[in-house]
N, C-alpha and C. Protein backbone atom coordinates (compact mmCIF):
# COMPACT_ATOMS: atom_id res chain seq x y z
N MET A 1 17.72 42.84 28.61
CA MET A 1 17.09 42.07 27.56
C MET A 1 16.54 43.04 26.52
N THR A 2 16.66 42.65 25.27
CA THR A 2 16.14 43.43 24.15
C THR A 2 14.90 42.73 23.59
N LEU A 3 13.80 43.47 23.45
CA LEU A 3 12.58 42.95 22.86
C LEU A 3 12.39 43.56 21.48
N THR A 4 12.08 42.72 20.50
CA THR A 4 11.87 43.17 19.14
C THR A 4 10.58 42.56 18.61
N THR A 5 9.74 43.39 18.00
CA THR A 5 8.52 42.90 17.37
C THR A 5 8.87 42.36 15.99
N ILE A 6 8.36 41.16 15.69
CA ILE A 6 8.60 40.51 14.40
C ILE A 6 7.30 40.54 13.60
N SER A 7 7.41 40.95 12.34
CA SER A 7 6.23 41.04 11.50
C SER A 7 6.62 40.75 10.05
N THR A 8 5.72 40.07 9.34
CA THR A 8 5.93 39.79 7.92
C THR A 8 4.58 39.79 7.22
N ASP A 9 4.56 40.21 5.98
CA ASP A 9 3.32 40.16 5.20
C ASP A 9 3.13 38.79 4.56
N LYS A 10 4.08 37.87 4.79
CA LYS A 10 3.98 36.52 4.25
C LYS A 10 3.17 35.59 5.15
N ALA A 11 2.74 36.11 6.30
CA ALA A 11 1.89 35.37 7.23
C ALA A 11 0.69 36.25 7.54
N PRO A 12 -0.39 35.67 8.05
CA PRO A 12 -1.56 36.48 8.37
C PRO A 12 -1.23 37.61 9.34
N ALA A 13 -1.77 38.78 9.04
CA ALA A 13 -1.56 39.94 9.91
C ALA A 13 -2.24 39.70 11.25
N ALA A 14 -1.67 40.25 12.29
CA ALA A 14 -2.30 40.20 13.61
C ALA A 14 -3.62 40.95 13.54
N VAL A 15 -4.68 40.37 14.06
CA VAL A 15 -6.00 40.98 13.99
C VAL A 15 -6.46 41.49 15.36
N GLY A 16 -5.52 41.68 16.24
CA GLY A 16 -5.84 42.17 17.57
C GLY A 16 -4.60 42.80 18.18
N PRO A 17 -4.63 43.04 19.48
CA PRO A 17 -3.51 43.68 20.15
C PRO A 17 -2.39 42.69 20.49
N TYR A 18 -1.80 42.10 19.47
CA TYR A 18 -0.68 41.18 19.64
C TYR A 18 0.20 41.25 18.41
N SER A 19 1.36 40.64 18.48
CA SER A 19 2.31 40.59 17.36
C SER A 19 2.36 39.19 16.79
N GLN A 20 2.78 39.08 15.53
CA GLN A 20 2.99 37.75 14.96
C GLN A 20 4.03 37.01 15.77
N ALA A 21 5.05 37.73 16.25
CA ALA A 21 6.08 37.14 17.10
C ALA A 21 6.82 38.24 17.83
N MET A 22 7.45 37.85 18.91
CA MET A 22 8.33 38.74 19.67
C MET A 22 9.66 38.02 19.86
N LYS A 23 10.73 38.76 19.65
CA LYS A 23 12.07 38.23 19.89
C LYS A 23 12.57 38.82 21.20
N ALA A 24 13.02 37.94 22.08
CA ALA A 24 13.61 38.35 23.35
C ALA A 24 15.02 37.79 23.37
N ASP A 25 15.99 38.66 23.12
CA ASP A 25 17.38 38.24 22.98
C ASP A 25 17.46 37.16 21.90
N GLN A 26 17.79 35.91 22.26
CA GLN A 26 17.97 34.88 21.24
C GLN A 26 16.82 33.87 21.19
N LEU A 27 15.68 34.26 21.73
CA LEU A 27 14.50 33.42 21.64
C LEU A 27 13.40 34.17 20.91
N MET A 28 12.65 33.46 20.09
CA MET A 28 11.54 34.04 19.34
C MET A 28 10.26 33.33 19.75
N PHE A 29 9.27 34.10 20.17
CA PHE A 29 8.00 33.57 20.63
C PHE A 29 6.94 33.88 19.57
N CYS A 30 6.51 32.86 18.86
CA CYS A 30 5.55 33.03 17.77
C CYS A 30 4.13 32.86 18.29
N SER A 31 3.27 33.83 17.97
CA SER A 31 1.86 33.72 18.32
C SER A 31 1.25 32.52 17.60
N GLY A 32 0.15 32.04 18.15
CA GLY A 32 -0.54 30.93 17.53
C GLY A 32 -0.98 31.27 16.12
N GLN A 33 -0.80 30.31 15.23
CA GLN A 33 -1.22 30.46 13.84
C GLN A 33 -2.37 29.49 13.56
N ILE A 34 -3.37 30.00 12.87
CA ILE A 34 -4.44 29.15 12.36
C ILE A 34 -4.32 29.14 10.84
N ALA A 35 -5.23 28.47 10.18
CA ALA A 35 -5.11 28.25 8.74
C ALA A 35 -5.64 29.42 7.92
N LEU A 36 -5.22 30.62 8.24
CA LEU A 36 -5.59 31.79 7.44
C LEU A 36 -4.63 31.94 6.27
N ASP A 37 -5.19 32.21 5.10
CA ASP A 37 -4.37 32.56 3.95
C ASP A 37 -3.94 34.01 4.14
N PRO A 38 -2.64 34.30 4.15
CA PRO A 38 -2.19 35.67 4.41
C PRO A 38 -2.65 36.69 3.37
N ALA A 39 -2.92 36.25 2.16
CA ALA A 39 -3.34 37.18 1.10
C ALA A 39 -4.80 37.57 1.25
N THR A 40 -5.64 36.61 1.65
CA THR A 40 -7.08 36.87 1.71
C THR A 40 -7.62 36.99 3.13
N MET A 41 -6.84 36.51 4.10
CA MET A 41 -7.26 36.45 5.50
C MET A 41 -8.52 35.59 5.67
N LYS A 42 -8.68 34.61 4.79
CA LYS A 42 -9.78 33.66 4.89
C LYS A 42 -9.22 32.30 5.27
N MET A 43 -10.04 31.51 5.98
CA MET A 43 -9.63 30.17 6.38
C MET A 43 -9.45 29.29 5.15
N THR A 44 -8.44 28.42 5.21
CA THR A 44 -8.21 27.43 4.16
C THR A 44 -8.35 26.04 4.76
N GLY A 45 -8.77 25.11 3.95
CA GLY A 45 -8.86 23.71 4.37
C GLY A 45 -10.10 23.44 5.20
N THR A 46 -10.60 22.23 5.02
CA THR A 46 -11.78 21.81 5.78
C THR A 46 -11.48 20.67 6.73
N THR A 47 -10.26 20.10 6.62
CA THR A 47 -9.87 19.01 7.52
C THR A 47 -8.71 19.48 8.39
N ALA A 48 -8.49 18.77 9.48
CA ALA A 48 -7.38 19.12 10.36
C ALA A 48 -6.05 19.03 9.62
N ALA A 49 -5.89 18.04 8.75
CA ALA A 49 -4.63 17.89 8.00
C ALA A 49 -4.43 19.07 7.07
N GLU A 50 -5.46 19.45 6.33
CA GLU A 50 -5.34 20.59 5.41
C GLU A 50 -5.05 21.88 6.16
N GLN A 51 -5.73 22.08 7.27
CA GLN A 51 -5.48 23.29 8.05
C GLN A 51 -4.09 23.29 8.67
N THR A 52 -3.61 22.14 9.10
CA THR A 52 -2.27 22.05 9.68
C THR A 52 -1.22 22.42 8.64
N GLU A 53 -1.41 22.04 7.39
CA GLU A 53 -0.48 22.42 6.33
C GLU A 53 -0.37 23.94 6.24
N GLN A 54 -1.50 24.64 6.25
CA GLN A 54 -1.47 26.10 6.17
C GLN A 54 -0.85 26.71 7.43
N VAL A 55 -1.14 26.13 8.57
CA VAL A 55 -0.55 26.60 9.82
C VAL A 55 0.98 26.55 9.72
N PHE A 56 1.51 25.46 9.18
CA PHE A 56 2.96 25.35 9.06
C PHE A 56 3.53 26.33 8.05
N ARG A 57 2.80 26.61 6.96
CA ARG A 57 3.25 27.64 6.03
C ARG A 57 3.32 29.00 6.75
N ASN A 58 2.32 29.28 7.56
CA ASN A 58 2.29 30.54 8.29
C ASN A 58 3.42 30.63 9.32
N LEU A 59 3.61 29.58 10.10
CA LEU A 59 4.70 29.57 11.09
C LEU A 59 6.05 29.73 10.40
N ALA A 60 6.26 29.01 9.31
CA ALA A 60 7.54 29.09 8.59
C ALA A 60 7.78 30.51 8.09
N ALA A 61 6.73 31.18 7.65
CA ALA A 61 6.88 32.56 7.15
C ALA A 61 7.28 33.51 8.28
N VAL A 62 6.70 33.33 9.45
CA VAL A 62 7.07 34.19 10.59
C VAL A 62 8.52 33.92 10.99
N LEU A 63 8.91 32.66 11.05
CA LEU A 63 10.30 32.32 11.39
C LEU A 63 11.26 32.88 10.35
N GLU A 64 10.88 32.78 9.09
CA GLU A 64 11.73 33.27 8.00
C GLU A 64 12.01 34.77 8.13
N ALA A 65 11.10 35.49 8.75
CA ALA A 65 11.30 36.94 8.94
C ALA A 65 12.55 37.21 9.79
N GLU A 66 12.98 36.23 10.56
CA GLU A 66 14.21 36.33 11.36
C GLU A 66 15.31 35.45 10.78
N HIS A 67 15.13 34.97 9.56
CA HIS A 67 16.12 34.14 8.85
C HIS A 67 16.39 32.83 9.58
N ILE A 68 15.32 32.25 10.14
CA ILE A 68 15.44 30.93 10.76
C ILE A 68 14.35 30.02 10.19
N THR A 69 14.39 28.75 10.54
CA THR A 69 13.46 27.77 10.00
C THR A 69 12.84 26.95 11.13
N LEU A 70 12.02 26.00 10.75
CA LEU A 70 11.42 25.10 11.73
C LEU A 70 12.49 24.32 12.50
N ALA A 71 13.68 24.18 11.95
CA ALA A 71 14.77 23.48 12.65
C ALA A 71 15.20 24.23 13.91
N ASN A 72 14.83 25.50 14.02
CA ASN A 72 15.17 26.31 15.20
C ASN A 72 14.13 26.22 16.30
N VAL A 73 13.00 25.57 16.03
CA VAL A 73 11.92 25.50 17.00
C VAL A 73 12.31 24.58 18.15
N VAL A 74 12.12 25.07 19.38
CA VAL A 74 12.44 24.27 20.56
C VAL A 74 11.20 23.79 21.30
N LYS A 75 10.06 24.46 21.08
CA LYS A 75 8.82 24.09 21.79
C LYS A 75 7.62 24.51 20.98
N THR A 76 6.62 23.65 20.92
CA THR A 76 5.35 24.00 20.29
C THR A 76 4.22 23.72 21.26
N THR A 77 3.13 24.42 21.07
CA THR A 77 1.87 24.09 21.72
C THR A 77 0.83 23.98 20.61
N VAL A 78 0.16 22.84 20.57
CA VAL A 78 -0.85 22.57 19.55
C VAL A 78 -2.21 22.59 20.25
N TYR A 79 -3.12 23.35 19.67
CA TYR A 79 -4.49 23.42 20.17
C TYR A 79 -5.40 22.78 19.13
N LEU A 80 -6.15 21.76 19.54
CA LEU A 80 -7.06 21.07 18.64
C LEU A 80 -8.49 21.26 19.10
N LYS A 81 -9.38 21.50 18.15
CA LYS A 81 -10.80 21.61 18.48
C LYS A 81 -11.34 20.24 18.88
N ASP A 82 -10.75 19.19 18.30
CA ASP A 82 -11.20 17.82 18.57
C ASP A 82 -9.98 16.91 18.63
N MET A 83 -9.75 16.29 19.77
CA MET A 83 -8.58 15.42 19.94
C MET A 83 -8.63 14.22 18.98
N ASN A 84 -9.80 13.92 18.42
CA ASN A 84 -9.88 12.86 17.41
C ASN A 84 -9.11 13.23 16.14
N ASP A 85 -8.77 14.51 15.98
CA ASP A 85 -7.97 14.96 14.83
C ASP A 85 -6.46 14.86 15.11
N PHE A 86 -6.08 14.32 16.25
CA PHE A 86 -4.66 14.27 16.62
C PHE A 86 -3.81 13.55 15.57
N GLN A 87 -4.23 12.38 15.13
CA GLN A 87 -3.41 11.62 14.18
C GLN A 87 -3.23 12.36 12.86
N ALA A 88 -4.30 12.99 12.37
CA ALA A 88 -4.21 13.74 11.11
C ALA A 88 -3.25 14.92 11.27
N MET A 89 -3.39 15.66 12.36
CA MET A 89 -2.49 16.79 12.62
C MET A 89 -1.07 16.29 12.79
N ASN A 90 -0.90 15.21 13.55
CA ASN A 90 0.43 14.70 13.87
C ASN A 90 1.18 14.22 12.63
N ALA A 91 0.47 13.67 11.65
CA ALA A 91 1.13 13.22 10.42
C ALA A 91 1.72 14.42 9.67
N VAL A 92 0.98 15.52 9.60
CA VAL A 92 1.49 16.72 8.95
C VAL A 92 2.62 17.33 9.78
N TYR A 93 2.45 17.36 11.09
CA TYR A 93 3.47 17.88 12.00
C TYR A 93 4.79 17.14 11.80
N GLU A 94 4.72 15.81 11.77
CA GLU A 94 5.93 14.99 11.59
C GLU A 94 6.57 15.25 10.23
N LYS A 95 5.75 15.42 9.20
CA LYS A 95 6.26 15.70 7.87
C LYS A 95 7.09 17.00 7.86
N HIS A 96 6.61 18.01 8.54
CA HIS A 96 7.29 19.30 8.53
C HIS A 96 8.52 19.34 9.44
N PHE A 97 8.49 18.62 10.54
CA PHE A 97 9.65 18.62 11.44
C PHE A 97 10.64 17.51 11.14
N GLY A 98 10.21 16.44 10.49
CA GLY A 98 11.13 15.35 10.17
C GLY A 98 11.77 14.77 11.42
N ARG A 99 13.07 14.66 11.40
CA ARG A 99 13.80 14.08 12.54
C ARG A 99 13.92 15.04 13.71
N HIS A 100 13.71 16.31 13.46
CA HIS A 100 13.74 17.33 14.52
C HIS A 100 12.48 17.17 15.36
N LYS A 101 12.65 17.04 16.65
CA LYS A 101 11.51 16.78 17.53
C LYS A 101 11.47 17.79 18.68
N PRO A 102 10.88 18.97 18.44
CA PRO A 102 10.78 19.96 19.52
C PRO A 102 9.90 19.43 20.66
N ALA A 103 10.09 19.97 21.84
CA ALA A 103 9.18 19.68 22.94
C ALA A 103 7.78 20.13 22.50
N ARG A 104 6.73 19.46 23.00
CA ARG A 104 5.39 19.79 22.54
C ARG A 104 4.35 19.49 23.61
N ALA A 105 3.34 20.32 23.63
CA ALA A 105 2.12 20.05 24.38
C ALA A 105 0.97 20.12 23.38
N THR A 106 0.01 19.23 23.52
CA THR A 106 -1.18 19.24 22.67
C THR A 106 -2.39 19.20 23.56
N VAL A 107 -3.31 20.14 23.35
CA VAL A 107 -4.51 20.20 24.17
C VAL A 107 -5.75 20.35 23.29
N GLU A 108 -6.85 19.80 23.78
CA GLU A 108 -8.14 20.00 23.13
C GLU A 108 -8.79 21.23 23.76
N VAL A 109 -9.35 22.07 22.91
CA VAL A 109 -10.00 23.29 23.39
C VAL A 109 -11.45 23.34 22.90
N ALA A 110 -12.26 24.13 23.57
CA ALA A 110 -13.67 24.23 23.20
C ALA A 110 -13.87 24.91 21.86
N ARG A 111 -13.05 25.94 21.60
CA ARG A 111 -13.22 26.69 20.35
C ARG A 111 -11.94 27.45 20.05
N LEU A 112 -11.67 27.64 18.74
CA LEU A 112 -10.51 28.40 18.28
C LEU A 112 -11.00 29.57 17.43
N PRO A 113 -10.15 30.59 17.26
CA PRO A 113 -10.55 31.72 16.43
C PRO A 113 -11.01 31.26 15.04
N LYS A 114 -12.03 31.92 14.52
CA LYS A 114 -12.58 31.64 13.18
C LYS A 114 -13.02 30.18 13.05
N ASP A 115 -13.30 29.53 14.17
CA ASP A 115 -13.71 28.12 14.20
C ASP A 115 -12.69 27.20 13.55
N ALA A 116 -11.41 27.57 13.66
CA ALA A 116 -10.33 26.72 13.15
C ALA A 116 -10.35 25.37 13.86
N LEU A 117 -9.79 24.38 13.20
CA LEU A 117 -9.67 23.04 13.78
C LEU A 117 -8.36 22.87 14.53
N VAL A 118 -7.35 23.68 14.18
CA VAL A 118 -6.02 23.56 14.78
C VAL A 118 -5.36 24.93 14.86
N GLU A 119 -4.61 25.13 15.92
CA GLU A 119 -3.77 26.33 16.08
C GLU A 119 -2.46 25.85 16.69
N ILE A 120 -1.36 26.40 16.20
CA ILE A 120 -0.05 26.03 16.73
C ILE A 120 0.76 27.29 17.00
N GLU A 121 1.38 27.35 18.19
CA GLU A 121 2.31 28.41 18.53
C GLU A 121 3.67 27.76 18.78
N CYS A 122 4.74 28.55 18.71
CA CYS A 122 6.05 27.96 18.94
C CYS A 122 7.03 28.95 19.54
N ILE A 123 8.08 28.39 20.10
CA ILE A 123 9.23 29.14 20.60
C ILE A 123 10.43 28.62 19.82
N ALA A 124 11.23 29.53 19.30
CA ALA A 124 12.39 29.15 18.49
C ALA A 124 13.64 29.87 18.96
N ALA A 125 14.78 29.25 18.76
CA ALA A 125 16.06 29.87 19.04
C ALA A 125 16.47 30.61 17.78
N THR A 126 16.96 31.84 17.93
CA THR A 126 17.30 32.63 16.74
C THR A 126 18.78 32.54 16.36
N MET A 127 19.55 31.81 17.15
CA MET A 127 20.95 31.63 16.80
C MET A 127 21.11 30.32 16.04
N LYS A 128 22.29 30.10 15.47
CA LYS A 128 22.56 28.86 14.74
C LYS A 128 22.35 27.68 15.67
N VAL A 129 21.65 26.67 15.16
CA VAL A 129 21.29 25.51 15.96
C VAL A 129 22.05 24.28 15.49
N SER A 130 22.59 23.53 16.42
CA SER A 130 23.23 22.26 16.13
C SER A 130 22.37 21.19 16.77
N ASN A 131 21.73 20.37 15.97
CA ASN A 131 20.84 19.35 16.48
C ASN A 131 21.64 18.10 16.79
N THR A 132 21.62 17.67 18.04
CA THR A 132 22.39 16.50 18.46
C THR A 132 21.54 15.23 18.49
N ALA A 133 20.28 15.34 18.07
CA ALA A 133 19.39 14.17 18.11
C ALA A 133 19.69 13.20 17.01
């Protein structure tokens, strides 16, 4: 197996001992993204919906570093500070994935980095994807 570190300046820089993503053969494992603006490294948005929009911009930028898109995502994990924000997050999530429906887990957590309201991580296939759904 070949492991490759994935990094882009179009997404927030890793602020600890981790990578934005790791590629293992034809799978890409993206670290959790919160609503940090990559240029300022400051949180954006005050609602779960606003923060989810930035999270998706960040995830898309990391995927783009390997020339793939959200259509390549096979699994996500969504972390919410408050499960009452599920519908707001889910509306933005559905907008970005459209008819593509990756496997997903959503959990409520006590706290997220920088007191974010939402964090999303994903696993994507790096080869050409044919969606049969």
